Amino acid sequence: MTDVTNTELPDGLLEYFAARERQRAETINKALATLSPYERRLVREAAVMGYVRGAMAGKHREDVPGDGAILAEVLGACITMGDLYPYLAAASEGCRRRVTKSRRWPGE
């Protein structure tokens, strides 16, 4: 029988997690740098409103983190689901996409 009480992770795995966390932070920062100030403000406001509404609806009564932490968490989630949020995913790669009449949101 194996010992399930040992919760220590190998050093290599901890280093991998730290590297992935740095990579995620760089991707989020790149997306924010690519967006215009107006777009950043819209994304921030929408992320915070959605997070707070979700916390309230779920009876989640823990302290709600600050706007910056919420923005990073929500933007990171949107980037990982690039097929659902193509404009934010493109921004994370340094590409700016404009919404025009010929290229609207997917599905329109």
N, C-alpha and C. Protein backbone atom coordinates (compact mmCIF):
# COMPACT_ATOMS: atom_id res chain seq x y z
N MET A 1 0.85 -1.18 0.00
CA MET A 1 0.00 0.00 0.00
C MET A 1 0.89 1.24 0.00
N THR A 2 0.51 2.26 -0.76
CA THR A 2 1.33 3.47 -0.84
C THR A 2 0.96 4.45 0.26
N ASP A 3 1.91 5.27 0.60
CA ASP A 3 1.71 6.28 1.64
C ASP A 3 1.09 7.52 1.01
N VAL A 4 -0.17 7.78 1.28
CA VAL A 4 -0.87 8.93 0.70
C VAL A 4 -0.74 10.18 1.56
N THR A 5 -0.07 10.08 2.70
CA THR A 5 0.08 11.25 3.56
C THR A 5 1.24 12.13 3.14
N ASN A 6 2.14 11.63 2.29
CA ASN A 6 3.28 12.41 1.83
C ASN A 6 2.80 13.34 0.72
N THR A 7 2.77 14.65 0.99
CA THR A 7 2.25 15.60 0.02
C THR A 7 3.35 16.42 -0.65
N GLU A 8 4.60 16.06 -0.42
CA GLU A 8 5.70 16.80 -1.03
C GLU A 8 5.78 16.48 -2.52
N LEU A 9 6.01 17.52 -3.31
CA LEU A 9 6.15 17.35 -4.74
C LEU A 9 7.62 17.38 -5.12
N PRO A 10 7.99 16.69 -6.17
CA PRO A 10 9.39 16.73 -6.61
C PRO A 10 9.80 18.15 -7.01
N ASP A 11 11.07 18.48 -6.81
CA ASP A 11 11.57 19.81 -7.14
C ASP A 11 11.34 20.16 -8.60
N GLY A 12 11.53 19.21 -9.48
CA GLY A 12 11.32 19.45 -10.91
C GLY A 12 9.90 19.88 -11.22
N LEU A 13 8.94 19.29 -10.53
CA LEU A 13 7.54 19.64 -10.74
C LEU A 13 7.25 21.03 -10.21
N LEU A 14 7.82 21.37 -9.07
CA LEU A 14 7.63 22.71 -8.51
C LEU A 14 8.23 23.77 -9.43
N GLU A 15 9.39 23.48 -10.00
CA GLU A 15 10.02 24.40 -10.94
C GLU A 15 9.15 24.56 -12.18
N TYR A 16 8.57 23.47 -12.65
CA TYR A 16 7.67 23.53 -13.81
C TYR A 16 6.47 24.41 -13.51
N PHE A 17 5.84 24.23 -12.35
CA PHE A 17 4.68 25.05 -11.98
C PHE A 17 5.06 26.53 -11.92
N ALA A 18 6.21 26.83 -11.36
CA ALA A 18 6.66 28.23 -11.27
C ALA A 18 6.91 28.81 -12.65
N ALA A 19 7.51 28.03 -13.55
CA ALA A 19 7.76 28.50 -14.91
C ALA A 19 6.46 28.74 -15.65
N ARG A 20 5.49 27.85 -15.49
CA ARG A 20 4.18 28.02 -16.15
C ARG A 20 3.45 29.24 -15.62
N GLU A 21 3.57 29.49 -14.31
CA GLU A 21 2.93 30.67 -13.73
C GLU A 21 3.55 31.94 -14.29
N ARG A 22 4.87 31.97 -14.43
CA ARG A 22 5.54 33.13 -15.04
C ARG A 22 5.11 33.30 -16.49
N GLN A 23 4.98 32.19 -17.21
CA GLN A 23 4.56 32.23 -18.61
C GLN A 23 3.14 32.77 -18.73
N ARG A 24 2.25 32.34 -17.85
CA ARG A 24 0.87 32.85 -17.86
C ARG A 24 0.84 34.34 -17.58
N ALA A 25 1.63 34.79 -16.62
CA ALA A 25 1.67 36.22 -16.29
C ALA A 25 2.20 37.03 -17.47
N GLU A 26 3.21 36.52 -18.16
CA GLU A 26 3.74 37.22 -19.34
C GLU A 26 2.70 37.30 -20.45
N THR A 27 1.95 36.23 -20.65
CA THR A 27 0.90 36.21 -21.68
C THR A 27 -0.19 37.21 -21.35
N ILE A 28 -0.60 37.26 -20.10
CA ILE A 28 -1.63 38.22 -19.67
C ILE A 28 -1.13 39.64 -19.84
N ASN A 29 0.11 39.91 -19.45
CA ASN A 29 0.67 41.25 -19.60
C ASN A 29 0.79 41.65 -21.07
N LYS A 30 1.13 40.70 -21.92
CA LYS A 30 1.22 40.98 -23.35
C LYS A 30 -0.15 41.33 -23.92
N ALA A 31 -1.17 40.61 -23.50
CA ALA A 31 -2.53 40.91 -23.96
C ALA A 31 -2.95 42.30 -23.51
N LEU A 32 -2.68 42.64 -22.26
CA LEU A 32 -3.05 43.96 -21.76
C LEU A 32 -2.29 45.07 -22.47
N ALA A 33 -1.02 44.82 -22.79
CA ALA A 33 -0.22 45.82 -23.49
C ALA A 33 -0.70 46.02 -24.92
N THR A 34 -1.26 44.98 -25.52
CA THR A 34 -1.74 45.05 -26.90
C THR A 34 -3.05 45.83 -26.99
N LEU A 35 -3.90 45.71 -25.98
CA LEU A 35 -5.20 46.39 -26.01
C LEU A 35 -5.02 47.89 -25.82
N SER A 36 -5.92 48.65 -26.41
CA SER A 36 -5.90 50.11 -26.20
C SER A 36 -6.38 50.40 -24.78
N PRO A 37 -6.12 51.60 -24.27
CA PRO A 37 -6.60 51.93 -22.93
C PRO A 37 -8.11 51.75 -22.77
N TYR A 38 -8.86 52.12 -23.80
CA TYR A 38 -10.32 51.97 -23.77
C TYR A 38 -10.70 50.49 -23.69
N GLU A 39 -10.04 49.65 -24.50
CA GLU A 39 -10.33 48.22 -24.48
C GLU A 39 -9.95 47.60 -23.14
N ARG A 40 -8.81 48.01 -22.60
CA ARG A 40 -8.40 47.51 -21.28
C ARG A 40 -9.45 47.84 -20.23
N ARG A 41 -9.97 49.06 -20.28
CA ARG A 41 -10.97 49.48 -19.31
C ARG A 41 -12.25 48.65 -19.45
N LEU A 42 -12.68 48.42 -20.69
CA LEU A 42 -13.88 47.60 -20.91
C LEU A 42 -13.69 46.17 -20.41
N VAL A 43 -12.54 45.59 -20.72
CA VAL A 43 -12.27 44.22 -20.28
C VAL A 43 -12.23 44.16 -18.76
N ARG A 44 -11.57 45.13 -18.16
CA ARG A 44 -11.47 45.16 -16.69
C ARG A 44 -12.84 45.27 -16.04
N GLU A 45 -13.64 46.21 -16.52
CA GLU A 45 -14.97 46.41 -15.94
C GLU A 45 -15.85 45.18 -16.11
N ALA A 46 -15.82 44.58 -17.30
CA ALA A 46 -16.64 43.38 -17.55
C ALA A 46 -16.17 42.21 -16.69
N ALA A 47 -14.86 42.05 -16.56
CA ALA A 47 -14.32 40.95 -15.75
C ALA A 47 -14.73 41.10 -14.29
N VAL A 48 -14.60 42.30 -13.76
CA VAL A 48 -14.93 42.52 -12.35
C VAL A 48 -16.43 42.36 -12.12
N MET A 49 -17.24 42.93 -13.02
CA MET A 49 -18.69 42.80 -12.85
C MET A 49 -19.12 41.33 -12.90
N GLY A 50 -18.59 40.58 -13.87
CA GLY A 50 -18.95 39.17 -13.98
C GLY A 50 -18.49 38.36 -12.78
N TYR A 51 -17.30 38.63 -12.29
CA TYR A 51 -16.76 37.91 -11.14
C TYR A 51 -17.60 38.18 -9.90
N VAL A 52 -17.91 39.44 -9.65
CA VAL A 52 -18.67 39.80 -8.46
C VAL A 52 -20.10 39.25 -8.55
N ARG A 53 -20.73 39.35 -9.72
CA ARG A 53 -22.08 38.81 -9.87
C ARG A 53 -22.07 37.30 -9.67
N GLY A 54 -21.06 36.61 -10.19
CA GLY A 54 -20.97 35.17 -10.00
C GLY A 54 -20.75 34.82 -8.55
N ALA A 55 -19.95 35.61 -7.86
CA ALA A 55 -19.71 35.36 -6.43
C ALA A 55 -20.99 35.57 -5.62
N MET A 56 -21.76 36.59 -5.99
CA MET A 56 -23.01 36.86 -5.27
C MET A 56 -24.05 35.78 -5.55
N ALA A 57 -24.15 35.35 -6.80
CA ALA A 57 -25.14 34.34 -7.17
C ALA A 57 -24.82 33.00 -6.54
N GLY A 58 -23.55 32.71 -6.35
CA GLY A 58 -23.14 31.44 -5.78
C GLY A 58 -23.06 31.47 -4.27
N LYS A 59 -23.53 32.53 -3.67
CA LYS A 59 -23.46 32.69 -2.21
C LYS A 59 -22.03 32.56 -1.71
N HIS A 60 -21.11 33.01 -2.53
CA HIS A 60 -19.68 32.97 -2.23
C HIS A 60 -19.38 34.18 -1.35
N ARG A 61 -19.21 33.96 -0.09
CA ARG A 61 -19.08 35.07 0.85
C ARG A 61 -17.65 35.35 1.29
N GLU A 62 -16.68 34.74 0.64
CA GLU A 62 -15.30 35.06 0.96
C GLU A 62 -15.00 36.47 0.46
N ASP A 63 -13.89 37.00 0.90
CA ASP A 63 -13.49 38.31 0.41
C ASP A 63 -13.24 38.23 -1.09
N VAL A 64 -13.76 39.20 -1.81
CA VAL A 64 -13.55 39.28 -3.24
C VAL A 64 -12.19 39.94 -3.46
N PRO A 65 -11.32 39.35 -4.29
CA PRO A 65 -10.00 39.94 -4.50
C PRO A 65 -10.10 41.29 -5.20
N GLY A 66 -8.99 41.99 -5.28
CA GLY A 66 -8.95 43.29 -5.94
C GLY A 66 -9.16 43.17 -7.44
N ASP A 67 -9.42 44.32 -8.06
CA ASP A 67 -9.69 44.34 -9.50
C ASP A 67 -8.55 43.74 -10.33
N GLY A 68 -7.31 44.03 -9.96
CA GLY A 68 -6.18 43.52 -10.73
C GLY A 68 -6.10 42.00 -10.69
N ALA A 69 -6.34 41.42 -9.53
CA ALA A 69 -6.30 39.96 -9.40
C ALA A 69 -7.45 39.32 -10.18
N ILE A 70 -8.62 39.94 -10.13
CA ILE A 70 -9.76 39.43 -10.89
C ILE A 70 -9.47 39.51 -12.37
N LEU A 71 -8.95 40.65 -12.83
CA LEU A 71 -8.65 40.83 -14.25
C LEU A 71 -7.66 39.77 -14.72
N ALA A 72 -6.61 39.52 -13.96
CA ALA A 72 -5.62 38.52 -14.35
C ALA A 72 -6.24 37.13 -14.42
N GLU A 73 -7.06 36.78 -13.45
CA GLU A 73 -7.69 35.46 -13.44
C GLU A 73 -8.64 35.28 -14.62
N VAL A 74 -9.49 36.27 -14.85
CA VAL A 74 -10.48 36.17 -15.92
C VAL A 74 -9.80 36.22 -17.29
N LEU A 75 -8.83 37.11 -17.46
CA LEU A 75 -8.13 37.21 -18.74
C LEU A 75 -7.35 35.93 -19.03
N GLY A 76 -6.73 35.36 -18.02
CA GLY A 76 -6.03 34.09 -18.20
C GLY A 76 -6.98 32.98 -18.64
N ALA A 77 -8.17 32.95 -18.05
CA ALA A 77 -9.16 31.94 -18.44
C ALA A 77 -9.64 32.17 -19.87
N CYS A 78 -9.84 33.43 -20.25
CA CYS A 78 -10.30 33.74 -21.62
C CYS A 78 -9.24 33.36 -22.65
N ILE A 79 -7.97 33.58 -22.32
CA ILE A 79 -6.89 33.26 -23.25
C ILE A 79 -6.81 31.75 -23.46
N THR A 80 -7.04 30.97 -22.41
CA THR A 80 -6.96 29.51 -22.56
C THR A 80 -8.13 28.96 -23.38
N MET A 81 -9.21 29.73 -23.49
CA MET A 81 -10.35 29.32 -24.32
C MET A 81 -10.44 30.26 -25.52
N GLY A 82 -9.37 30.29 -26.30
CA GLY A 82 -9.25 31.22 -27.42
C GLY A 82 -10.33 31.09 -28.46
N ASP A 83 -10.92 29.90 -28.61
CA ASP A 83 -12.00 29.74 -29.59
C ASP A 83 -13.25 30.51 -29.17
N LEU A 84 -13.44 30.71 -27.88
CA LEU A 84 -14.59 31.45 -27.39
C LEU A 84 -14.32 32.95 -27.30
N TYR A 85 -13.06 33.32 -27.11
CA TYR A 85 -12.67 34.73 -26.95
C TYR A 85 -11.52 35.04 -27.90
N PRO A 86 -11.78 35.05 -29.22
CA PRO A 86 -10.68 35.19 -30.19
C PRO A 86 -9.96 36.53 -30.13
N TYR A 87 -10.64 37.59 -29.76
CA TYR A 87 -9.99 38.91 -29.73
C TYR A 87 -9.00 39.00 -28.58
N LEU A 88 -9.35 38.44 -27.43
CA LEU A 88 -8.41 38.43 -26.30
C LEU A 88 -7.27 37.45 -26.55
N ALA A 89 -7.57 36.32 -27.17
CA ALA A 89 -6.51 35.36 -27.50
C ALA A 89 -5.53 35.96 -28.50
N ALA A 90 -6.04 36.68 -29.49
CA ALA A 90 -5.15 37.34 -30.46
C ALA A 90 -4.31 38.41 -29.78
N ALA A 91 -4.90 39.13 -28.83
CA ALA A 91 -4.16 40.16 -28.10
C ALA A 91 -3.03 39.53 -27.29
N SER A 92 -3.24 38.33 -26.79
CA SER A 92 -2.19 37.67 -26.01
C SER A 92 -1.00 37.27 -26.87
N GLU A 93 -1.20 37.25 -28.18
CA GLU A 93 -0.11 36.96 -29.12
C GLU A 93 0.44 38.24 -29.74
N GLY A 94 -0.05 39.39 -29.27
CA GLY A 94 0.44 40.67 -29.75
C GLY A 94 -0.27 41.19 -30.99
N CYS A 95 -1.37 40.56 -31.39
CA CYS A 95 -2.12 40.97 -32.59
C CYS A 95 -3.34 41.78 -32.18
N ARG A 96 -3.52 42.89 -32.87
CA ARG A 96 -4.73 43.69 -32.64
C ARG A 96 -5.74 43.35 -33.71
N ARG A 97 -6.95 43.09 -33.30
CA ARG A 97 -8.03 42.81 -34.24
C ARG A 97 -9.10 43.86 -34.04
N ARG A 98 -9.59 44.38 -35.12
CA ARG A 98 -10.66 45.36 -35.03
C ARG A 98 -11.99 44.68 -35.37
N VAL A 99 -13.03 45.13 -34.71
CA VAL A 99 -14.37 44.65 -35.03
C VAL A 99 -14.93 45.60 -36.09
N THR A 100 -15.22 45.07 -37.25
CA THR A 100 -15.79 45.86 -38.34
C THR A 100 -17.09 45.19 -38.78
N LYS A 101 -17.80 45.85 -39.70
CA LYS A 101 -19.05 45.26 -40.19
C LYS A 101 -18.79 43.92 -40.89
N SER A 102 -17.67 43.82 -41.56
CA SER A 102 -17.38 42.57 -42.27
C SER A 102 -16.84 41.48 -41.33
N ARG A 103 -16.30 41.88 -40.18
CA ARG A 103 -15.75 40.89 -39.24
C ARG A 103 -16.29 41.20 -37.85
N ARG A 104 -17.43 40.67 -37.58
CA ARG A 104 -18.04 40.88 -36.27
C ARG A 104 -17.67 39.73 -35.36
N TRP A 105 -18.34 39.67 -34.25
CA TRP A 105 -18.11 38.58 -33.31
C TRP A 105 -18.46 37.25 -33.96
N PRO A 106 -17.76 36.18 -33.61
CA PRO A 106 -18.07 34.88 -34.19
C PRO A 106 -19.52 34.49 -33.95
N GLY A 107 -20.13 33.94 -34.98
CA GLY A 107 -21.50 33.49 -34.85
C GLY A 107 -22.54 34.52 -35.27
N GLU A 108 -22.10 35.74 -35.57
CA GLU A 108 -23.08 36.76 -35.99
C GLU A 108 -23.29 36.69 -37.49
